[in-house]
Amino acid sequence: MSRSKGDIAETKACEFLNSSGFKIIEQNFYAKKLGEIDIIATKEKTYHFIEVKSANNYEVAVNNITPTKLSKLKRSIDYYLQTKKLDVNFCIDVIIVVDEDIEFLENITL
């Protein structure tokens, strides 16, 4: 997927989150040598670390959420929490964007 398509998907994801009562804290947090966290948001005292996936269909997008990707994301989250000195409740979420459809998969596990 091209960078511009990814940016469009992230914009749609942020609009969805804002309209659902989330507060966007940060986008595209890069953890050195670990990876990137697409969106960091809060709602009801919980931090949500959100991976955004976009593709031509749902199945392709959801299959791009691999154990390796989730492992890198978890390490990036640990790095973020450590550098920001945060001790908070958090979960890992995924937003799938296919055309105009958005699917929010909340609190996925490794």
PDB file of N, CA and C in Angstrom:
ATOM      1  N   MET A   1       0.850  -1.166   0.000  1.00  0.00           N
ATOM      2  CA  MET A   1       0.000   0.000   0.000  1.00  0.00           C
ATOM      3  C   MET A   1       0.902   1.237   0.000  1.00  0.00           C
ATOM      4  N   SER A   2       0.513   2.229  -0.754  1.00  0.00           N
ATOM      5  CA  SER A   2       1.310   3.437  -0.835  1.00  0.00           C
ATOM      6  C   SER A   2       1.181   4.248   0.442  1.00  0.00           C
ATOM      7  N   ARG A   3       2.151   5.107   0.670  1.00  0.00           N
ATOM      8  CA  ARG A   3       2.149   5.959   1.863  1.00  0.00           C
ATOM      9  C   ARG A   3       0.920   6.861   1.891  1.00  0.00           C
ATOM     10  N   SER A   4       0.535   7.393   0.719  1.00  0.00           N
ATOM     11  CA  SER A   4      -0.624   8.299   0.699  1.00  0.00           C
ATOM     12  C   SER A   4      -1.914   7.556   1.063  1.00  0.00           C
ATOM     13  N   LYS A   5      -2.065   6.307   0.613  1.00  0.00           N
ATOM     14  CA  LYS A   5      -3.248   5.519   0.993  1.00  0.00           C
ATOM     15  C   LYS A   5      -3.240   5.243   2.489  1.00  0.00           C
ATOM     16  N   GLY A   6      -2.063   4.980   3.028  1.00  0.00           N
ATOM     17  CA  GLY A   6      -1.944   4.764   4.463  1.00  0.00           C
ATOM     18  C   GLY A   6      -2.300   6.014   5.244  1.00  0.00           C
ATOM     19  N   ASP A   7      -1.872   7.172   4.751  1.00  0.00           N
ATOM     20  CA  ASP A   7      -2.199   8.453   5.409  1.00  0.00           C
ATOM     21  C   ASP A   7      -3.704   8.701   5.381  1.00  0.00           C
ATOM     22  N   ILE A   8      -4.336   8.385   4.259  1.00  0.00           N
ATOM     23  CA  ILE A   8      -5.792   8.564   4.144  1.00  0.00           C
ATOM     24  C   ILE A   8      -6.501   7.649   5.138  1.00  0.00           C
ATOM     25  N   ALA A   9      -6.050   6.405   5.240  1.00  0.00           N
ATOM     26  CA  ALA A   9      -6.655   5.455   6.184  1.00  0.00           C
ATOM     27  C   ALA A   9      -6.478   5.940   7.619  1.00  0.00           C
ATOM     28  N   GLU A  10      -5.308   6.471   7.955  1.00  0.00           N
ATOM     29  CA  GLU A  10      -5.075   6.983   9.310  1.00  0.00           C
ATOM     30  C   GLU A  10      -5.947   8.198   9.594  1.00  0.00           C
ATOM     31  N   THR A  11      -6.143   9.045   8.614  1.00  0.00           N
ATOM     32  CA  THR A  11      -7.022  10.205   8.793  1.00  0.00           C
ATOM     33  C   THR A  11      -8.449   9.746   9.067  1.00  0.00           C
ATOM     34  N   LYS A  12      -8.928   8.776   8.299  1.00  0.00           N
ATOM     35  CA  LYS A  12     -10.271   8.233   8.524  1.00  0.00           C
ATOM     36  C   LYS A  12     -10.372   7.596   9.912  1.00  0.00           C
ATOM     37  N   ALA A  13      -9.319   6.900  10.322  1.00  0.00           N
ATOM     38  CA  ALA A  13      -9.305   6.259  11.635  1.00  0.00           C
ATOM     39  C   ALA A  13      -9.382   7.308  12.746  1.00  0.00           C
ATOM     40  N   CYS A  14      -8.637   8.399  12.603  1.00  0.00           N
ATOM     41  CA  CYS A  14      -8.668   9.468  13.607  1.00  0.00           C
ATOM     42  C   CYS A  14     -10.042  10.132  13.660  1.00  0.00           C
ATOM     43  N   GLU A  15     -10.649  10.342  12.520  1.00  0.00           N
ATOM     44  CA  GLU A  15     -11.999  10.917  12.495  1.00  0.00           C
ATOM     45  C   GLU A  15     -12.982   9.992  13.208  1.00  0.00           C
ATOM     46  N   PHE A  16     -12.866   8.701  12.954  1.00  0.00           N
ATOM     47  CA  PHE A  16     -13.719   7.721  13.618  1.00  0.00           C
ATOM     48  C   PHE A  16     -13.508   7.769  15.131  1.00  0.00           C
ATOM     49  N   LEU A  17     -12.252   7.774  15.557  1.00  0.00           N
ATOM     50  CA  LEU A  17     -11.955   7.793  16.991  1.00  0.00           C
ATOM     51  C   LEU A  17     -12.475   9.056  17.659  1.00  0.00           C
ATOM     52  N   ASN A  18     -12.239  10.205  17.033  1.00  0.00           N
ATOM     53  CA  ASN A  18     -12.725  11.470  17.594  1.00  0.00           C
ATOM     54  C   ASN A  18     -14.242  11.454  17.746  1.00  0.00           C
ATOM     55  N   SER A  19     -14.933  10.925  16.743  1.00  0.00           N
ATOM     56  CA  SER A  19     -16.398  10.892  16.800  1.00  0.00           C
ATOM     57  C   SER A  19     -16.911   9.849  17.797  1.00  0.00           C
ATOM     58  N   SER A  20     -16.025   8.949  18.239  1.00  0.00           N
ATOM     59  CA  SER A  20     -16.394   7.915  19.205  1.00  0.00           C
ATOM     60  C   SER A  20     -15.956   8.261  20.626  1.00  0.00           C
ATOM     61  N   GLY A  21     -15.519   9.492  20.826  1.00  0.00           N
ATOM     62  CA  GLY A  21     -15.174   9.940  22.173  1.00  0.00           C
ATOM     63  C   GLY A  21     -13.735   9.733  22.602  1.00  0.00           C
ATOM     64  N   PHE A  22     -12.869   9.351  21.680  1.00  0.00           N
ATOM     65  CA  PHE A  22     -11.455   9.198  21.997  1.00  0.00           C
ATOM     66  C   PHE A  22     -10.744  10.542  21.873  1.00  0.00           C
ATOM     67  N   LYS A  23      -9.657  10.691  22.621  1.00  0.00           N
ATOM     68  CA  LYS A  23      -8.789  11.857  22.483  1.00  0.00           C
ATOM     69  C   LYS A  23      -7.469  11.365  21.886  1.00  0.00           C
ATOM     70  N   ILE A  24      -7.119  11.896  20.728  1.00  0.00           N
ATOM     71  CA  ILE A  24      -5.863  11.510  20.076  1.00  0.00           C
ATOM     72  C   ILE A  24      -4.710  12.177  20.816  1.00  0.00           C
ATOM     73  N   ILE A  25      -3.775  11.376  21.287  1.00  0.00           N
ATOM     74  CA  ILE A  25      -2.600  11.876  21.997  1.00  0.00           C
ATOM     75  C   ILE A  25      -1.439  12.089  21.033  1.00  0.00           C
ATOM     76  N   GLU A  26      -1.260  11.120  20.138  1.00  0.00           N
ATOM     77  CA  GLU A  26      -0.101  11.167  19.247  1.00  0.00           C
ATOM     78  C   GLU A  26      -0.357  10.272  18.042  1.00  0.00           C
ATOM     79  N   GLN A  27       0.277  10.626  16.931  1.00  0.00           N
ATOM     80  CA  GLN A  27       0.224   9.801  15.726  1.00  0.00           C
ATOM     81  C   GLN A  27       1.636   9.503  15.270  1.00  0.00           C
ATOM     82  N   ASN A  28       1.800   8.320  14.715  1.00  0.00           N
ATOM     83  CA  ASN A  28       3.066   7.890  14.120  1.00  0.00           C
ATOM     84  C   ASN A  28       4.248   8.039  15.080  1.00  0.00           C
ATOM     85  N   PHE A  29       4.071   7.510  16.285  1.00  0.00           N
ATOM     86  CA  PHE A  29       5.173   7.487  17.253  1.00  0.00           C
ATOM     87  C   PHE A  29       6.171   6.439  16.795  1.00  0.00           C
ATOM     88  N   TYR A  30       7.410   6.867  16.587  1.00  0.00           N
ATOM     89  CA  TYR A  30       8.443   5.966  16.099  1.00  0.00           C
ATOM     90  C   TYR A  30       9.367   5.582  17.246  1.00  0.00           C
ATOM     91  N   ALA A  31       9.457   4.303  17.511  1.00  0.00           N
ATOM     92  CA  ALA A  31      10.366   3.781  18.529  1.00  0.00           C
ATOM     93  C   ALA A  31      11.601   3.239  17.811  1.00  0.00           C
ATOM     94  N   LYS A  32      12.738   3.798  18.128  1.00  0.00           N
ATOM     95  CA  LYS A  32      13.984   3.432  17.450  1.00  0.00           C
ATOM     96  C   LYS A  32      14.164   1.919  17.375  1.00  0.00           C
ATOM     97  N   LYS A  33      14.393   1.438  16.179  1.00  0.00           N
ATOM     98  CA  LYS A  33      14.683   0.030  15.886  1.00  0.00           C
ATOM     99  C   LYS A  33      13.555  -0.928  16.254  1.00  0.00           C
ATOM    100  N   LEU A  34      12.435  -0.409  16.739  1.00  0.00           N
ATOM    101  CA  LEU A  34      11.342  -1.285  17.150  1.00  0.00           C
ATOM    102  C   LEU A  34      10.177  -1.219  16.177  1.00  0.00           C
ATOM    103  N   GLY A  35       9.784  -0.018  15.805  1.00  0.00           N
ATOM    104  CA  GLY A  35       8.652   0.134  14.908  1.00  0.00           C
ATOM    105  C   GLY A  35       7.876   1.394  15.221  1.00  0.00           C
ATOM    106  N   GLU A  36       6.686   1.453  14.676  1.00  0.00           N
ATOM    107  CA  GLU A  36       5.871   2.650  14.794  1.00  0.00           C
ATOM    108  C   GLU A  36       4.508   2.298  15.379  1.00  0.00           C
ATOM    109  N   ILE A  37       3.994   3.213  16.188  1.00  0.00           N
ATOM    110  CA  ILE A  37       2.622   3.095  16.681  1.00  0.00           C
ATOM    111  C   ILE A  37       1.812   4.101  15.880  1.00  0.00           C
ATOM    112  N   ASP A  38       0.814   3.622  15.141  1.00  0.00           N
ATOM    113  CA  ASP A  38       0.066   4.501  14.249  1.00  0.00           C
ATOM    114  C   ASP A  38      -0.677   5.596  15.008  1.00  0.00           C
ATOM    115  N   ILE A  39      -1.466   5.204  16.007  1.00  0.00           N
ATOM    116  CA  ILE A  39      -2.258   6.179  16.764  1.00  0.00           C
ATOM    117  C   ILE A  39      -2.229   5.806  18.243  1.00  0.00           C
ATOM    118  N   ILE A  40      -2.035   6.814  19.075  1.00  0.00           N
ATOM    119  CA  ILE A  40      -2.150   6.648  20.520  1.00  0.00           C
ATOM    120  C   ILE A  40      -3.292   7.557  20.953  1.00  0.00           C
ATOM    121  N   ALA A  41      -4.278   6.965  21.606  1.00  0.00           N
ATOM    122  CA  ALA A  41      -5.466   7.716  22.015  1.00  0.00           C
ATOM    123  C   ALA A  41      -5.866   7.303  23.426  1.00  0.00           C
ATOM    124  N   THR A  42      -6.687   8.130  24.055  1.00  0.00           N
ATOM    125  CA  THR A  42      -7.217   7.779  25.367  1.00  0.00           C
ATOM    126  C   THR A  42      -8.733   7.871  25.354  1.00  0.00           C
ATOM    127  N   LYS A  43      -9.329   7.062  26.224  1.00  0.00           N
ATOM    128  CA  LYS A  43     -10.768   7.119  26.468  1.00  0.00           C
ATOM    129  C   LYS A  43     -11.013   6.464  27.821  1.00  0.00           C
ATOM    130  N   GLU A  44     -11.750   7.162  28.659  1.00  0.00           N
ATOM    131  CA  GLU A  44     -12.108   6.632  29.970  1.00  0.00           C
ATOM    132  C   GLU A  44     -10.895   6.096  30.726  1.00  0.00           C
ATOM    133  N   LYS A  45      -9.832   6.897  30.812  1.00  0.00           N
ATOM    134  CA  LYS A  45      -8.618   6.604  31.592  1.00  0.00           C
ATOM    135  C   LYS A  45      -7.813   5.415  31.079  1.00  0.00           C
ATOM    136  N   THR A  46      -8.083   4.980  29.854  1.00  0.00           N
ATOM    137  CA  THR A  46      -7.325   3.886  29.249  1.00  0.00           C
ATOM    138  C   THR A  46      -6.623   4.390  27.993  1.00  0.00           C
ATOM    139  N   TYR A  47      -5.358   4.045  27.874  1.00  0.00           N
ATOM    140  CA  TYR A  47      -4.612   4.354  26.654  1.00  0.00           C
ATOM    141  C   TYR A  47      -4.901   3.260  25.631  1.00  0.00           C
ATOM    142  N   HIS A  48      -5.138   3.694  24.405  1.00  0.00           N
ATOM    143  CA  HIS A  48      -5.372   2.773  23.294  1.00  0.00           C
ATOM    144  C   HIS A  48      -4.248   2.956  22.281  1.00  0.00           C
ATOM    145  N   PHE A  49      -3.505   1.883  22.036  1.00  0.00           N
ATOM    146  CA  PHE A  49      -2.441   1.891  21.037  1.00  0.00           C
ATOM    147  C   PHE A  49      -3.025   1.209  19.809  1.00  0.00           C
ATOM    148  N   ILE A  50      -3.148   1.987  18.733  1.00  0.00           N
ATOM    149  CA  ILE A  50      -3.969   1.552  17.606  1.00  0.00           C
ATOM    150  C   ILE A  50      -3.144   1.383  16.332  1.00  0.00           C
ATOM    151  N   GLU A  51      -3.260   0.200  15.778  1.00  0.00           N
ATOM    152  CA  GLU A  51      -2.664  -0.123  14.479  1.00  0.00           C
ATOM    153  C   GLU A  51      -3.741   0.075  13.426  1.00  0.00           C
ATOM    154  N   VAL A  52      -3.406   0.778  12.355  1.00  0.00           N
ATOM    155  CA  VAL A  52      -4.357   1.011  11.266  1.00  0.00           C
ATOM    156  C   VAL A  52      -3.928   0.158  10.074  1.00  0.00           C
ATOM    157  N   LYS A  53      -4.870  -0.628   9.569  1.00  0.00           N
ATOM    158  CA  LYS A  53      -4.613  -1.452   8.389  1.00  0.00           C
ATOM    159  C   LYS A  53      -5.651  -1.126   7.324  1.00  0.00           C
ATOM    160  N   SER A  54      -5.188  -1.027   6.091  1.00  0.00           N
ATOM    161  CA  SER A  54      -6.071  -0.725   4.972  1.00  0.00           C
ATOM    162  C   SER A  54      -5.698  -1.620   3.799  1.00  0.00           C
ATOM    163  N   ALA A  55      -6.716  -2.034   3.075  1.00  0.00           N
ATOM    164  CA  ALA A  55      -6.493  -2.874   1.890  1.00  0.00           C
ATOM    165  C   ALA A  55      -7.742  -2.813   1.026  1.00  0.00           C
ATOM    166  N   ASN A  56      -7.708  -3.534  -0.082  1.00  0.00           N
ATOM    167  CA  ASN A  56      -8.860  -3.569  -0.985  1.00  0.00           C
ATOM    168  C   ASN A  56     -10.013  -4.394  -0.435  1.00  0.00           C
ATOM    169  N   ASN A  57      -9.696  -5.289   0.529  1.00  0.00           N
ATOM    170  CA  ASN A  57     -10.770  -6.031   1.181  1.00  0.00           C
ATOM    171  C   ASN A  57     -10.375  -6.346   2.617  1.00  0.00           C
ATOM    172  N   TYR A  58     -11.376  -6.662   3.408  1.00  0.00           N
ATOM    173  CA  TYR A  58     -11.202  -6.882   4.844  1.00  0.00           C
ATOM    174  C   TYR A  58     -10.224  -8.019   5.136  1.00  0.00           C
ATOM    175  N   GLU A  59     -10.372  -9.119   4.418  1.00  0.00           N
ATOM    176  CA  GLU A  59      -9.537 -10.291   4.681  1.00  0.00           C
ATOM    177  C   GLU A  59      -8.051  -9.990   4.500  1.00  0.00           C
ATOM    178  N   VAL A  60      -7.708  -9.291   3.437  1.00  0.00           N
ATOM    179  CA  VAL A  60      -6.302  -8.938   3.202  1.00  0.00           C
ATOM    180  C   VAL A  60      -5.793  -8.050   4.334  1.00  0.00           C
ATOM    181  N   ALA A  61      -6.589  -7.058   4.715  1.00  0.00           N
ATOM    182  CA  ALA A  61      -6.171  -6.131   5.777  1.00  0.00           C
ATOM    183  C   ALA A  61      -5.969  -6.867   7.100  1.00  0.00           C
ATOM    184  N   VAL A  62      -6.918  -7.682   7.488  1.00  0.00           N
ATOM    185  CA  VAL A  62      -6.821  -8.367   8.782  1.00  0.00           C
ATOM    186  C   VAL A  62      -5.685  -9.393   8.784  1.00  0.00           C
ATOM    187  N   ASN A  63      -5.389  -9.982   7.640  1.00  0.00           N
ATOM    188  CA  ASN A  63      -4.273 -10.931   7.564  1.00  0.00           C
ATOM    189  C   ASN A  63      -2.910 -10.252   7.641  1.00  0.00           C
ATOM    190  N   ASN A  64      -2.888  -8.936   7.501  1.00  0.00           N
ATOM    191  CA  ASN A  64      -1.640  -8.181   7.662  1.00  0.00           C
ATOM    192  C   ASN A  64      -1.316  -7.912   9.128  1.00  0.00           C
ATOM    193  N   ILE A  65      -2.191  -8.342  10.017  1.00  0.00           N
ATOM    194  CA  ILE A  65      -1.937  -8.224  11.457  1.00  0.00           C
ATOM    195  C   ILE A  65      -1.310  -9.539  11.900  1.00  0.00           C
ATOM    196  N   THR A  66      -0.017  -9.617  11.764  1.00  0.00           N
ATOM    197  CA  THR A  66       0.706 -10.859  12.019  1.00  0.00           C
ATOM    198  C   THR A  66       1.242 -10.894  13.456  1.00  0.00           C
ATOM    199  N   PRO A  67       1.565 -12.082  13.947  1.00  0.00           N
ATOM    200  CA  PRO A  67       2.191 -12.164  15.272  1.00  0.00           C
ATOM    201  C   PRO A  67       3.481 -11.343  15.354  1.00  0.00           C
ATOM    202  N   THR A  68       4.246 -11.315  14.271  1.00  0.00           N
ATOM    203  CA  THR A  68       5.475 -10.514  14.250  1.00  0.00           C
ATOM    204  C   THR A  68       5.155  -9.034  14.385  1.00  0.00           C
ATOM    205  N   LYS A  69       4.150  -8.565  13.657  1.00  0.00           N
ATOM    206  CA  LYS A  69       3.740  -7.161  13.730  1.00  0.00           C
ATOM    207  C   LYS A  69       3.278  -6.817  15.144  1.00  0.00           C
ATOM    208  N   LEU A  70       2.468  -7.693  15.741  1.00  0.00           N
ATOM    209  CA  LEU A  70       1.972  -7.446  17.096  1.00  0.00           C
ATOM    210  C   LEU A  70       3.096  -7.450  18.121  1.00  0.00           C
ATOM    211  N   SER A  71       4.075  -8.308  17.933  1.00  0.00           N
ATOM    212  CA  SER A  71       5.222  -8.360  18.841  1.00  0.00           C
ATOM    213  C   SER A  71       6.026  -7.061  18.779  1.00  0.00           C
ATOM    214  N   LYS A  72       6.262  -6.558  17.567  1.00  0.00           N
ATOM    215  CA  LYS A  72       6.963  -5.280  17.401  1.00  0.00           C
ATOM    216  C   LYS A  72       6.157  -4.141  18.007  1.00  0.00           C
ATOM    217  N   LEU A  73       4.848  -4.178  17.810  1.00  0.00           N
ATOM    218  CA  LEU A  73       3.976  -3.146  18.363  1.00  0.00           C
ATOM    219  C   LEU A  73       4.049  -3.157  19.888  1.00  0.00           C
ATOM    220  N   LYS A  74       4.018  -4.337  20.485  1.00  0.00           N
ATOM    221  CA  LYS A  74       4.092  -4.450  21.945  1.00  0.00           C
ATOM    222  C   LYS A  74       5.410  -3.884  22.461  1.00  0.00           C
ATOM    223  N   ARG A  75       6.511  -4.177  21.784  1.00  0.00           N
ATOM    224  CA  ARG A  75       7.807  -3.628  22.202  1.00  0.00           C
ATOM    225  C   ARG A  75       7.823  -2.104  22.056  1.00  0.00           C
ATOM    226  N   SER A  76       7.207  -1.595  21.001  1.00  0.00           N
ATOM    227  CA  SER A  76       7.107  -0.144  20.806  1.00  0.00           C
ATOM    228  C   SER A  76       6.276   0.502  21.913  1.00  0.00           C
ATOM    229  N   ILE A  77       5.203  -0.169  22.315  1.00  0.00           N
ATOM    230  CA  ILE A  77       4.355   0.333  23.397  1.00  0.00           C
ATOM    231  C   ILE A  77       5.140   0.368  24.703  1.00  0.00           C
ATOM    232  N   ASP A  78       5.877  -0.696  24.989  1.00  0.00           N
ATOM    233  CA  ASP A  78       6.702  -0.724  26.198  1.00  0.00           C
ATOM    234  C   ASP A  78       7.701   0.437  26.199  1.00  0.00           C
ATOM    235  N   TYR A  79       8.310   0.682  25.054  1.00  0.00           N
ATOM    236  CA  TYR A  79       9.262   1.790  24.910  1.00  0.00           C
ATOM    237  C   TYR A  79       8.563   3.129  25.147  1.00  0.00           C
ATOM    238  N   TYR A  80       7.390   3.307  24.566  1.00  0.00           N
ATOM    239  CA  TYR A  80       6.620   4.541  24.736  1.00  0.00           C
ATOM    240  C   TYR A  80       6.296   4.771  26.209  1.00  0.00           C
ATOM    241  N   LEU A  81       5.762   3.760  26.865  1.00  0.00           N
ATOM    242  CA  LEU A  81       5.386   3.893  28.274  1.00  0.00           C
ATOM    243  C   LEU A  81       6.601   4.213  29.143  1.00  0.00           C
ATOM    244  N   GLN A  82       7.721   3.602  28.825  1.00  0.00           N
ATOM    245  CA  GLN A  82       8.941   3.834  29.585  1.00  0.00           C
ATOM    246  C   GLN A  82       9.468   5.256  29.371  1.00  0.00           C
ATOM    247  N   THR A  83       9.528   5.701  28.119  1.00  0.00           N
ATOM    248  CA  THR A  83      10.076   7.033  27.847  1.00  0.00           C
ATOM    249  C   THR A  83       9.164   8.144  28.358  1.00  0.00           C
ATOM    250  N   LYS A  84       7.862   7.894  28.388  1.00  0.00           N
ATOM    251  CA  LYS A  84       6.905   8.901  28.882  1.00  0.00           C
ATOM    252  C   LYS A  84       6.659   8.758  30.385  1.00  0.00           C
ATOM    253  N   LYS A  85       7.310   7.741  30.986  1.00  0.00           N
ATOM    254  CA  LYS A  85       7.152   7.474  32.413  1.00  0.00           C
ATOM    255  C   LYS A  85       5.685   7.321  32.814  1.00  0.00           C
ATOM    256  N   LEU A  86       4.984   6.480  32.065  1.00  0.00           N
ATOM    257  CA  LEU A  86       3.562   6.255  32.284  1.00  0.00           C
ATOM    258  C   LEU A  86       3.323   4.883  32.910  1.00  0.00           C
ATOM    259  N   ASP A  87       2.447   4.852  33.879  1.00  0.00           N
ATOM    260  CA  ASP A  87       1.968   3.607  34.466  1.00  0.00           C
ATOM    261  C   ASP A  87       0.447   3.658  34.354  1.00  0.00           C
ATOM    262  N   VAL A  88      -0.072   3.213  33.218  1.00  0.00           N
ATOM    263  CA  VAL A  88      -1.488   3.387  32.900  1.00  0.00           C
ATOM    264  C   VAL A  88      -2.085   2.078  32.393  1.00  0.00           C
ATOM    265  N   ASN A  89      -3.396   1.995  32.447  1.00  0.00           N
ATOM    266  CA  ASN A  89      -4.100   0.896  31.804  1.00  0.00           C
ATOM    267  C   ASN A  89      -4.036   1.130  30.302  1.00  0.00           C
ATOM    268  N   PHE A  90      -3.828   0.059  29.547  1.00  0.00           N
ATOM    269  CA  PHE A  90      -3.790   0.224  28.091  1.00  0.00           C
ATOM    270  C   PHE A  90      -4.278  -1.035  27.396  1.00  0.00           C
ATOM    271  N   CYS A  91      -4.610  -0.866  26.135  1.00  0.00           N
ATOM    272  CA  CYS A  91      -4.960  -2.008  25.293  1.00  0.00           C
ATOM    273  C   CYS A  91      -4.461  -1.747  23.874  1.00  0.00           C
ATOM    274  N   ILE A  92      -4.401  -2.814  23.112  1.00  0.00           N
ATOM    275  CA  ILE A  92      -3.993  -2.736  21.710  1.00  0.00           C
ATOM    276  C   ILE A  92      -5.246  -2.931  20.864  1.00  0.00           C
ATOM    277  N   ASP A  93      -5.471  -1.996  19.953  1.00  0.00           N
ATOM    278  CA  ASP A  93      -6.622  -2.035  19.066  1.00  0.00           C
ATOM    279  C   ASP A  93      -6.158  -2.001  17.617  1.00  0.00           C
ATOM    280  N   VAL A  94      -7.040  -2.408  16.732  1.00  0.00           N
ATOM    281  CA  VAL A  94      -6.783  -2.319  15.293  1.00  0.00           C
ATOM    282  C   VAL A  94      -7.992  -1.668  14.635  1.00  0.00           C
ATOM    283  N   ILE A  95      -7.709  -0.776  13.716  1.00  0.00           N
ATOM    284  CA  ILE A  95      -8.768  -0.223  12.878  1.00  0.00           C
ATOM    285  C   ILE A  95      -8.493  -0.663  11.447  1.00  0.00           C
ATOM    286  N   ILE A  96      -9.481  -1.336  10.877  1.00  0.00           N
ATOM    287  CA  ILE A  96      -9.405  -1.790   9.486  1.00  0.00           C
ATOM    288  C   ILE A  96     -10.200  -0.806   8.632  1.00  0.00           C
ATOM    289  N   VAL A  97      -9.560  -0.278   7.597  1.00  0.00           N
ATOM    290  CA  VAL A  97     -10.218   0.651   6.684  1.00  0.00           C
ATOM    291  C   VAL A  97     -10.242   0.018   5.297  1.00  0.00           C
ATOM    292  N   VAL A  98     -11.456  -0.205   4.790  1.00  0.00           N
ATOM    293  CA  VAL A  98     -11.644  -0.718   3.432  1.00  0.00           C
ATOM    294  C   VAL A  98     -12.634   0.224   2.757  1.00  0.00           C
ATOM    295  N   ASP A  99     -12.121   1.013   1.835  1.00  0.00           N
ATOM    296  CA  ASP A  99     -12.910   2.064   1.180  1.00  0.00           C
ATOM    297  C   ASP A  99     -13.485   2.989   2.253  1.00  0.00           C
ATOM    298  N   GLU A 100     -14.800   3.061   2.357  1.00  0.00           N
ATOM    299  CA  GLU A 100     -15.426   3.937   3.359  1.00  0.00           C
ATOM    300  C   GLU A 100     -15.829   3.184   4.623  1.00  0.00           C
ATOM    301  N   ASP A 101     -15.585   1.881   4.659  1.00  0.00           N
ATOM    302  CA  ASP A 101     -15.958   1.065   5.815  1.00  0.00           C
ATOM    303  C   ASP A 101     -14.824   1.041   6.835  1.00  0.00           C
ATOM    304  N   ILE A 102     -15.197   1.185   8.110  1.00  0.00           N
ATOM    305  CA  ILE A 102     -14.232   1.140   9.196  1.00  0.00           C
ATOM    306  C   ILE A 102     -14.679   0.092  10.199  1.00  0.00           C
ATOM    307  N   GLU A 103     -13.765  -0.798  10.533  1.00  0.00           N
ATOM    308  CA  GLU A 103     -14.021  -1.833  11.534  1.00  0.00           C
ATOM    309  C   GLU A 103     -13.039  -1.607  12.682  1.00  0.00           C
ATOM    310  N   PHE A 104     -13.562  -1.505  13.887  1.00  0.00           N
ATOM    311  CA  PHE A 104     -12.747  -1.256  15.078  1.00  0.00           C
ATOM    312  C   PHE A 104     -12.649  -2.548  15.878  1.00  0.00           C
ATOM    313  N   LEU A 105     -11.452  -3.099  15.957  1.00  0.00           N
ATOM    314  CA  LEU A 105     -11.204  -4.320  16.715  1.00  0.00           C
ATOM    315  C   LEU A 105     -10.488  -3.915  17.999  1.00  0.00           C
ATOM    316  N   GLU A 106     -11.232  -3.948  19.089  1.00  0.00           N
ATOM    317  CA  GLU A 106     -10.727  -3.409  20.351  1.00  0.00           C
ATOM    318  C   GLU A 106     -10.129  -4.510  21.220  1.00  0.00           C
ATOM    319  N   ASN A 107      -9.010  -4.159  21.854  1.00  0.00           N
ATOM    320  CA  ASN A 107      -8.365  -5.004  22.854  1.00  0.00           C
ATOM    321  C   ASN A 107      -7.991  -6.375  22.302  1.00  0.00           C
ATOM    322  N   ILE A 108      -7.212  -6.360  21.226  1.00  0.00           N
ATOM    323  CA  ILE A 108      -6.715  -7.625  20.674  1.00  0.00           C
ATOM    324  C   ILE A 108      -5.553  -8.126  21.525  1.00  0.00           C
ATOM    325  N   THR A 109      -5.232  -9.394  21.420  1.00  0.00           N
ATOM    326  CA  THR A 109      -4.161  -9.970  22.226  1.00  0.00           C
ATOM    327  C   THR A 109      -3.053 -10.498  21.352  1.00  0.00           C
ATOM    328  N   LEU A 110      -1.912 -10.679  21.981  1.00  0.00           N
ATOM    329  CA  LEU A 110      -0.748 -11.195  21.268  1.00  0.00           C
ATOM    330  C   LEU A 110      -0.795 -12.705  21.169  1.00  0.00           C
TER     331      LEU A 110
END
